[in-house]
Every structure is written in structure tokens, then in C-alpha cells.
Amino acid sequence: MPAEDRTNPRSPVGQPPPTLIHRPVSITERLQTDELFRCGQPLEVELGSGDGTFLLEYARLHPDRNLLGVERLLGRLRKISRKGIRAGLTNLRLVRIEASYFLEYLLRDESVQALHVYFPDPWPKRKHRKNRLINSRFTEVARRVLAPEGLVYLRTDDADYFAQMTAVFAADRSFAREETPAAMLEIITDFERDFLAKGIRARHAAYRRI
């Protein structure tokens, strides 16, 4: 088994593996996400987990859901893994890969109950906006991987990026806007904490696949 995933996540019962980081055997085949967790529960995915502040707390509050964090920086993932193991979070796993690639090529159809995207890189220069994660292509892929009635939760501090987010979802009739649960907004991410300290307001939106 790959070095970052040394034990079967289903054994021993009640104990997390030595690492929560899963290294996919293939990056061209769809990931069998149900095999990563001991319990067959609804799966939610955070694309870009940062230091794991949201992911760890959300996993702790929702033991009835499986959480998969996607992040490209290995150092961040290792820290999240250590914290998750100390907290005994058996419903949490991590993957090191680019979020857009993971979403489009590794997630199976209708396998996810919710996607969380918090404070993605805004790529503020006009010539770089094509690199933004949330675009018209994102809604197409999200529609495929989300289960019926699945949700997308978004947050950003960037007004221009938020306008783009809401525009692309408004243009896709497969999604309807919803209120973000107050309890979810109470879980502050690491980036959000920094922005709030500077007096910068975070913007948020949620969309349901219909």
C-alpha cells in the first residue's frame, strides 16, 4: 500500500489509521471513496482545505458524515492529519492533489452530498481569471458529481470573484440558491479569521442541485 496510507481504514474498529492522507493508486481512474471510510455515510468534500480549521471542526460536529479534504500542499495535509488523529476522527480522509483535477477526474458520478469551497485563490488580475476554480465549467462538473439535492457551499472575501460565482450558478438551471445554515457559518476558516481581524467581510452562498 502507498506510504501515505499504510493501513486499511476499516481496521481496527474505532481507531483512525496512522495517517489520514490517502494516496490514490491511480490519478486516471475514479476514486472508490466508499473504500476510504469504515462506515458507509454521506460524503462531503472540501476543495482547498487550508490549515483544516473548517474541515476538522465540521468532521467533529458531524460524525454521521464522511469528510474528504483536498489540498495540494503536503505540509498542510500532514498537520491536518495529525490533528484529526489526535481528535479520533474516523470520518475524515485527505488527498493531496489539485482541486479542479480531483473534482473533474477522480470523483464518481453522484457520489458527493456536498462540496465546500472556502476562500479559493481569487486570481485578481484580469488575465489570470481563467485560473479561477469557480467558473462555468465548475458548475457542469459539480452537477455530475453531486447526488440529487446535493449542495455547493461557497465563501470568499473577494467581491469580484463572488460576483462571478453567483453569476455562473445563476446561469445554470440545474442549481437553485439556498440559505447557508447559520451553524455552518459559525465555523470560521483560517483565512476568514484573518480577514475578519482586518475588518474584511466574507461573502457566502449556497446552491442545491435540482
Protein backbone atom coordinates (compact mmCIF):
# COMPACT_ATOMS: atom_id res chain seq x y z
CA MET A 1 0.00 0.00 0.00
CA PRO A 2 1.26 3.56 -0.68
CA ALA A 3 3.43 5.11 2.03
CA GLU A 4 0.88 7.76 2.98
CA ASP A 5 -1.89 5.22 3.57
CA ARG A 6 -0.25 2.37 5.45
CA THR A 7 -3.28 0.70 6.99
CA ASN A 8 -6.74 -0.37 5.97
CA PRO A 9 -9.05 2.50 7.05
CA ARG A 10 -11.67 -0.04 8.09
CA SER A 11 -9.45 -1.68 10.72
CA PRO A 12 -9.07 -1.72 13.67
CA VAL A 13 -12.59 -0.65 14.56
CA GLY A 14 -12.83 2.68 16.35
CA GLN A 15 -9.25 3.74 15.71
CA PRO A 16 -8.00 6.11 13.00
CA PRO A 17 -5.13 4.91 10.78
CA PRO A 18 -1.55 6.22 11.36
CA THR A 19 -2.22 8.85 8.68
CA LEU A 20 -5.42 10.27 7.26
CA ILE A 21 -3.72 11.07 3.96
CA HIS A 22 -4.77 8.76 1.16
CA ARG A 23 -2.53 8.48 -1.88
CA PRO A 24 -4.62 7.29 -4.86
CA VAL A 25 -3.19 4.30 -6.70
CA SER A 26 -4.19 5.95 -9.98
CA ILE A 27 -4.89 9.55 -10.99
CA THR A 28 -6.73 8.49 -14.13
CA GLU A 29 -9.36 6.21 -12.58
CA ARG A 30 -12.33 7.29 -10.49
CA LEU A 31 -11.69 7.07 -6.76
CA GLN A 32 -13.71 4.49 -4.84
CA THR A 33 -14.38 6.87 -1.98
CA ASP A 34 -16.56 4.39 -0.07
CA GLU A 35 -13.46 2.24 0.44
CA LEU A 36 -11.66 5.03 2.30
CA PHE A 37 -14.03 5.03 5.26
CA ARG A 38 -15.20 2.37 7.72
CA CYS A 39 -18.82 3.50 7.60
CA GLY A 40 -20.95 3.98 4.52
CA GLN A 41 -22.13 7.52 5.22
CA PRO A 42 -22.90 10.56 3.04
CA LEU A 43 -19.70 12.05 1.62
CA GLU A 44 -18.83 15.74 1.67
CA VAL A 45 -15.70 17.20 0.04
CA GLU A 46 -13.77 20.37 0.84
CA LEU A 47 -11.80 21.64 -2.13
CA GLY A 48 -8.80 23.52 -0.76
CA SER A 49 -8.65 22.78 2.97
CA GLY A 50 -6.06 25.33 4.05
CA ASP A 51 -4.95 24.55 7.60
CA GLY A 52 -8.04 22.37 8.12
CA THR A 53 -9.81 24.66 10.59
CA PHE A 54 -13.21 24.19 8.98
CA LEU A 55 -12.71 20.56 7.98
CA LEU A 56 -11.64 19.34 11.43
CA GLU A 57 -14.43 21.11 13.27
CA TYR A 58 -17.07 20.10 10.74
CA ALA A 59 -15.96 16.46 10.90
CA ARG A 60 -16.10 16.58 14.70
CA LEU A 61 -19.61 18.04 14.70
CA HIS A 62 -20.91 15.59 12.07
CA PRO A 63 -19.75 12.03 12.87
CA ASP A 64 -22.61 10.79 10.67
CA ARG A 65 -20.89 12.16 7.54
CA ASN A 66 -17.64 11.26 5.82
CA LEU A 67 -15.39 14.22 5.04
CA LEU A 68 -12.70 14.30 2.37
CA GLY A 69 -10.30 17.23 2.31
CA VAL A 70 -8.44 18.10 -0.91
CA GLU A 71 -5.28 20.20 -0.69
CA ARG A 72 -2.14 20.40 -2.83
CA LEU A 73 0.31 21.36 -0.06
CA LEU A 74 1.63 18.28 1.72
CA GLY A 75 2.76 20.19 4.81
CA ARG A 76 -0.78 21.40 5.43
CA LEU A 77 -2.20 17.91 4.96
CA ARG A 78 0.25 16.40 7.42
CA LYS A 79 -0.77 18.91 10.07
CA ILE A 80 -4.46 18.26 9.44
CA SER A 81 -3.81 14.52 9.62
CA ARG A 82 -2.05 14.78 12.97
CA LYS A 83 -4.83 16.92 14.42
CA GLY A 84 -7.51 14.60 13.06
CA ILE A 85 -5.83 11.53 14.53
CA ARG A 86 -5.45 13.20 17.92
CA ALA A 87 -9.15 14.07 17.80
CA GLY A 88 -10.05 10.47 16.89
CA LEU A 89 -11.82 11.48 13.68
CA THR A 90 -12.51 8.23 11.87
CA ASN A 91 -14.78 10.03 9.36
CA LEU A 92 -12.00 12.18 7.88
CA ARG A 93 -9.60 11.49 4.99
CA LEU A 94 -7.28 13.71 2.95
CA VAL A 95 -5.97 13.73 -0.62
CA ARG A 96 -3.05 15.73 -1.99
CA ILE A 97 -3.96 16.92 -5.48
CA GLU A 98 -5.15 19.97 -7.39
CA ALA A 99 -8.80 20.62 -6.54
CA SER A 100 -10.03 21.15 -10.10
CA TYR A 101 -8.38 17.94 -11.33
CA PHE A 102 -9.73 15.92 -8.42
CA LEU A 103 -13.23 17.23 -8.97
CA GLU A 104 -13.31 16.52 -12.68
CA TYR A 105 -11.37 13.28 -12.99
CA LEU A 106 -11.39 11.38 -9.68
CA LEU A 107 -14.88 11.79 -8.25
CA ARG A 108 -17.54 9.36 -9.39
CA ASP A 109 -20.94 10.46 -10.67
CA GLU A 110 -23.45 11.41 -7.96
CA SER A 111 -21.07 10.33 -5.20
CA VAL A 112 -20.99 13.54 -3.14
CA GLN A 113 -23.65 15.12 -0.94
CA ALA A 114 -21.92 18.50 -0.60
CA LEU A 115 -18.95 20.44 -1.94
CA HIS A 116 -17.31 23.09 0.23
CA VAL A 117 -15.18 25.79 -1.42
CA TYR A 118 -13.93 28.42 1.00
CA PHE A 119 -11.70 31.34 0.05
CA PRO A 120 -10.20 29.91 -3.15
CA ASP A 121 -7.42 31.86 -4.84
CA PRO A 122 -9.17 34.89 -6.40
CA TRP A 123 -6.63 35.37 -9.21
CA PRO A 124 -7.39 39.12 -9.17
CA LYS A 125 -5.58 40.08 -12.38
CA ARG A 126 -7.95 40.01 -15.34
CA LYS A 127 -5.58 37.96 -17.49
CA HIS A 128 -5.40 35.28 -14.75
CA ARG A 129 -9.13 34.91 -14.09
CA LYS A 130 -9.26 31.87 -16.33
CA ASN A 131 -7.45 30.07 -13.50
CA ARG A 132 -10.28 30.55 -11.02
CA LEU A 133 -11.78 27.34 -9.67
CA ILE A 134 -15.38 28.57 -9.80
CA ASN A 135 -16.37 29.11 -13.43
CA SER A 136 -18.94 27.76 -15.88
CA ARG A 137 -17.03 24.50 -16.15
CA PHE A 138 -17.21 24.08 -12.38
CA THR A 139 -21.00 24.03 -12.37
CA GLU A 140 -21.02 21.37 -15.10
CA VAL A 141 -18.69 19.10 -13.14
CA ALA A 142 -20.39 19.80 -9.81
CA ARG A 143 -23.72 18.81 -11.36
CA ARG A 144 -22.19 15.46 -12.34
CA VAL A 145 -20.53 14.54 -9.04
CA LEU A 146 -23.30 15.75 -6.73
CA ALA A 147 -26.08 13.41 -5.70
CA PRO A 148 -29.63 14.65 -6.38
CA GLU A 149 -30.37 17.55 -4.00
CA GLY A 150 -26.63 17.84 -3.29
CA LEU A 151 -25.22 21.19 -2.23
CA VAL A 152 -22.36 23.56 -3.01
CA TYR A 153 -21.22 25.93 -0.26
CA LEU A 154 -19.08 28.94 -1.21
CA ARG A 155 -17.22 31.68 0.68
CA THR A 156 -14.85 34.40 -0.47
CA ASP A 157 -13.62 37.82 0.61
CA ASP A 158 -13.22 38.99 -3.00
CA ALA A 159 -16.22 40.95 -4.30
CA ASP A 160 -15.36 40.44 -7.96
CA TYR A 161 -14.90 36.70 -7.53
CA PHE A 162 -18.15 36.45 -5.58
CA ALA A 163 -19.95 38.18 -8.43
CA GLN A 164 -18.50 35.59 -10.82
CA MET A 165 -19.51 32.73 -8.51
CA THR A 166 -23.11 33.87 -8.27
CA ALA A 167 -23.29 34.61 -11.99
CA VAL A 168 -22.15 31.18 -13.13
CA PHE A 169 -24.53 29.40 -10.77
CA ALA A 170 -27.41 31.68 -11.74
CA ALA A 171 -26.76 30.77 -15.39
CA ASP A 172 -27.05 27.04 -14.68
CA ARG A 173 -30.67 25.99 -14.24
CA SER A 174 -29.56 22.78 -12.57
CA PHE A 175 -28.91 24.76 -9.38
CA ALA A 176 -31.11 26.81 -7.07
CA ARG A 177 -29.75 29.23 -4.49
CA GLU A 178 -30.32 28.42 -0.81
CA GLU A 179 -29.54 29.94 2.56
CA THR A 180 -26.33 28.76 4.16
CA PRO A 181 -27.14 27.22 7.58
CA ALA A 182 -26.23 29.57 10.41
CA ALA A 183 -24.46 26.77 12.27
CA MET A 184 -22.15 26.25 9.29
CA LEU A 185 -21.29 29.93 9.08
CA GLU A 186 -20.24 29.81 12.72
CA ILE A 187 -17.33 27.55 11.76
CA ILE A 188 -14.70 30.12 10.83
CA THR A 189 -11.88 29.12 8.47
CA ASP A 190 -8.27 30.21 8.97
CA PHE A 191 -8.48 32.70 6.08
CA GLU A 192 -11.80 34.05 7.32
CA ARG A 193 -10.37 34.69 10.78
CA ASP A 194 -7.58 36.77 9.25
CA PHE A 195 -9.99 38.73 7.08
CA LEU A 196 -12.33 39.44 9.97
CA ALA A 197 -9.41 40.72 12.05
CA LYS A 198 -8.76 43.24 9.26
CA GLY A 199 -12.41 44.24 9.06
CA ILE A 200 -12.96 42.49 5.72
CA ARG A 201 -16.41 40.94 5.29
CA ALA A 202 -16.71 37.44 3.93
CA ARG A 203 -19.37 36.72 1.32
CA HIS A 204 -21.15 33.37 1.17
CA ALA A 205 -23.65 31.50 -0.96
CA ALA A 206 -25.13 28.00 -1.22
CA TYR A 207 -26.64 26.19 -4.20
CA ARG A 208 -28.66 22.99 -4.40
CA ARG A 209 -28.65 20.66 -7.39
CA ILE A 210 -32.24 20.34 -8.59
